[in-house]
Amino acid sequence: MKREISVTPEIMEQLAFHNTRSNSSNDTKIQRMKKIMNIAIENELTQRQRDCIRMRYFENLPVREIADKIGIRPATVYKHLSRAICIFKKCAVYL
């Protein structure tokens, strides 16, 4: 069963998907972006990257708390987040 993940404005901004064209065009692009993001989250990220993305952007946890929960250093959390965002940017080509 596929789960739907809501994409927050912070993630959209971070991934440079912000577009100021017509609203109907934006709605369609946002729906496509959500679909591609869900596919990328499920199929392209490692489990650790998924956990870091989920905790940071969907649960709004600070990096230090994520590091404590997972049992890694904060610098490693930043590395996982950075690599996941790079993957999202590569997937953005399909928009």
C-alpha atoms as a PDB file:
ATOM      1  CA  MET A   1       0.000   0.000   0.000  1.00  0.00           C
ATOM      2  CA  LYS A   2       1.439   3.377  -1.025  1.00  0.00           C
ATOM      3  CA  ARG A   3       1.208   6.151   1.523  1.00  0.00           C
ATOM      4  CA  GLU A   4       0.604   9.758   0.582  1.00  0.00           C
ATOM      5  CA  ILE A   5       3.100  12.206   2.043  1.00  0.00           C
ATOM      6  CA  SER A   6       2.176  15.842   2.186  1.00  0.00           C
ATOM      7  CA  VAL A   7       4.899  18.103   0.872  1.00  0.00           C
ATOM      8  CA  THR A   8       5.504  21.115   3.081  1.00  0.00           C
ATOM      9  CA  PRO A   9       6.296  24.570   1.711  1.00  0.00           C
ATOM     10  CA  GLU A  10       9.758  24.316   3.274  1.00  0.00           C
ATOM     11  CA  ILE A  11      10.575  21.278   1.156  1.00  0.00           C
ATOM     12  CA  MET A  12       9.241  22.906  -1.995  1.00  0.00           C
ATOM     13  CA  GLU A  13      11.370  25.973  -1.298  1.00  0.00           C
ATOM     14  CA  GLN A  14      14.435  23.894  -0.486  1.00  0.00           C
ATOM     15  CA  LEU A  15      14.084  21.975  -3.731  1.00  0.00           C
ATOM     16  CA  ALA A  16      13.657  25.175  -5.755  1.00  0.00           C
ATOM     17  CA  PHE A  17      10.287  24.210  -7.171  1.00  0.00           C
ATOM     18  CA  HIS A  18       8.715  27.570  -6.456  1.00  0.00           C
ATOM     19  CA  ASN A  19       7.008  28.821  -9.594  1.00  0.00           C
ATOM     20  CA  THR A  20       4.924  31.995  -9.911  1.00  0.00           C
ATOM     21  CA  ARG A  21       2.914  31.188 -13.045  1.00  0.00           C
ATOM     22  CA  SER A  22      -0.874  30.785 -13.202  1.00  0.00           C
ATOM     23  CA  ASN A  23      -2.620  29.067 -10.286  1.00  0.00           C
ATOM     24  CA  SER A  24      -4.106  26.183 -12.286  1.00  0.00           C
ATOM     25  CA  SER A  25      -0.711  25.460 -13.761  1.00  0.00           C
ATOM     26  CA  ASN A  26       0.813  25.574 -10.270  1.00  0.00           C
ATOM     27  CA  ASP A  27      -1.817  23.179  -8.910  1.00  0.00           C
ATOM     28  CA  THR A  28      -1.008  20.664 -11.631  1.00  0.00           C
ATOM     29  CA  LYS A  29       2.729  21.045 -11.057  1.00  0.00           C
ATOM     30  CA  ILE A  30       2.304  20.640  -7.303  1.00  0.00           C
ATOM     31  CA  GLN A  31       0.317  17.417  -7.806  1.00  0.00           C
ATOM     32  CA  ARG A  32       2.982  16.047 -10.169  1.00  0.00           C
ATOM     33  CA  MET A  33       5.707  17.108  -7.754  1.00  0.00           C
ATOM     34  CA  LYS A  34       3.993  15.294  -4.865  1.00  0.00           C
ATOM     35  CA  LYS A  35       3.728  12.156  -6.954  1.00  0.00           C
ATOM     36  CA  ILE A  36       7.388  12.281  -7.979  1.00  0.00           C
ATOM     37  CA  MET A  37       8.450  13.066  -4.406  1.00  0.00           C
ATOM     38  CA  ASN A  38       6.522  10.050  -3.108  1.00  0.00           C
ATOM     39  CA  ILE A  39       8.150   7.827  -5.729  1.00  0.00           C
ATOM     40  CA  ALA A  40      11.589   9.228  -4.883  1.00  0.00           C
ATOM     41  CA  ILE A  41      11.035   8.770  -1.151  1.00  0.00           C
ATOM     42  CA  GLU A  42       9.907   5.183  -1.580  1.00  0.00           C
ATOM     43  CA  ASN A  43      12.315   4.045  -4.298  1.00  0.00           C
ATOM     44  CA  GLU A  44      15.388   6.271  -4.423  1.00  0.00           C
ATOM     45  CA  LEU A  45      16.294   7.040  -0.800  1.00  0.00           C
ATOM     46  CA  THR A  46      18.014   4.762   1.664  1.00  0.00           C
ATOM     47  CA  GLN A  47      16.154   3.905   4.855  1.00  0.00           C
ATOM     48  CA  ARG A  48      18.362   6.278   6.840  1.00  0.00           C
ATOM     49  CA  GLN A  49      17.711   9.117   4.356  1.00  0.00           C
ATOM     50  CA  ARG A  50      13.952   8.448   4.533  1.00  0.00           C
ATOM     51  CA  ASP A  51      14.074   8.546   8.322  1.00  0.00           C
ATOM     52  CA  CYS A  52      16.020  11.816   8.361  1.00  0.00           C
ATOM     53  CA  ILE A  53      13.732  13.476   5.787  1.00  0.00           C
ATOM     54  CA  ARG A  54      10.600  12.294   7.602  1.00  0.00           C
ATOM     55  CA  MET A  55      11.776  13.482  11.010  1.00  0.00           C
ATOM     56  CA  ARG A  56      13.214  16.799   9.807  1.00  0.00           C
ATOM     57  CA  TYR A  57      10.573  17.990   7.355  1.00  0.00           C
ATOM     58  CA  PHE A  58       7.392  16.110   8.262  1.00  0.00           C
ATOM     59  CA  GLU A  59       7.797  15.945  12.047  1.00  0.00           C
ATOM     60  CA  ASN A  60       9.790  19.226  12.280  1.00  0.00           C
ATOM     61  CA  LEU A  61      12.386  17.787  14.644  1.00  0.00           C
ATOM     62  CA  PRO A  62      15.713  19.587  15.104  1.00  0.00           C
ATOM     63  CA  VAL A  63      18.799  17.893  13.696  1.00  0.00           C
ATOM     64  CA  ARG A  64      20.271  17.237  17.145  1.00  0.00           C
ATOM     65  CA  GLU A  65      17.116  15.392  18.228  1.00  0.00           C
ATOM     66  CA  ILE A  66      17.103  13.335  15.026  1.00  0.00           C
ATOM     67  CA  ALA A  67      20.729  12.402  15.655  1.00  0.00           C
ATOM     68  CA  ASP A  68      19.902  11.325  19.217  1.00  0.00           C
ATOM     69  CA  LYS A  69      16.929   9.229  18.097  1.00  0.00           C
ATOM     70  CA  ILE A  70      18.821   7.452  15.323  1.00  0.00           C
ATOM     71  CA  GLY A  71      22.084   7.205  17.260  1.00  0.00           C
ATOM     72  CA  ILE A  72      24.320   9.110  14.843  1.00  0.00           C
ATOM     73  CA  ARG A  73      26.148  12.434  14.900  1.00  0.00           C
ATOM     74  CA  PRO A  74      24.342  15.640  13.797  1.00  0.00           C
ATOM     75  CA  ALA A  75      26.857  16.031  10.951  1.00  0.00           C
ATOM     76  CA  THR A  76      25.768  12.643   9.632  1.00  0.00           C
ATOM     77  CA  VAL A  77      22.123  13.733   9.732  1.00  0.00           C
ATOM     78  CA  TYR A  78      23.037  16.787   7.656  1.00  0.00           C
ATOM     79  CA  LYS A  79      24.872  14.510   5.209  1.00  0.00           C
ATOM     80  CA  HIS A  80      21.815  12.234   4.824  1.00  0.00           C
ATOM     81  CA  LEU A  81      19.514  15.235   4.348  1.00  0.00           C
ATOM     82  CA  SER A  82      21.844  16.775   1.780  1.00  0.00           C
ATOM     83  CA  ARG A  83      22.125  13.574  -0.227  1.00  0.00           C
ATOM     84  CA  ALA A  84      18.345  13.054  -0.141  1.00  0.00           C
ATOM     85  CA  ILE A  85      17.762  16.605  -1.385  1.00  0.00           C
ATOM     86  CA  CYS A  86      20.241  15.997  -4.235  1.00  0.00           C
ATOM     87  CA  ILE A  87      18.197  12.955  -5.219  1.00  0.00           C
ATOM     88  CA  PHE A  88      15.004  15.053  -5.142  1.00  0.00           C
ATOM     89  CA  LYS A  89      16.628  17.617  -7.408  1.00  0.00           C
ATOM     90  CA  LYS A  90      17.581  14.898  -9.895  1.00  0.00           C
ATOM     91  CA  CYS A  91      13.992  13.644  -9.830  1.00  0.00           C
ATOM     92  CA  ALA A  92      12.771  17.195 -10.515  1.00  0.00           C
ATOM     93  CA  VAL A  93      13.969  16.758 -14.094  1.00  0.00           C
ATOM     94  CA  TYR A  94      10.825  14.661 -14.659  1.00  0.00           C
ATOM     95  CA  LEU A  95       8.495  17.539 -13.797  1.00  0.00           C
END
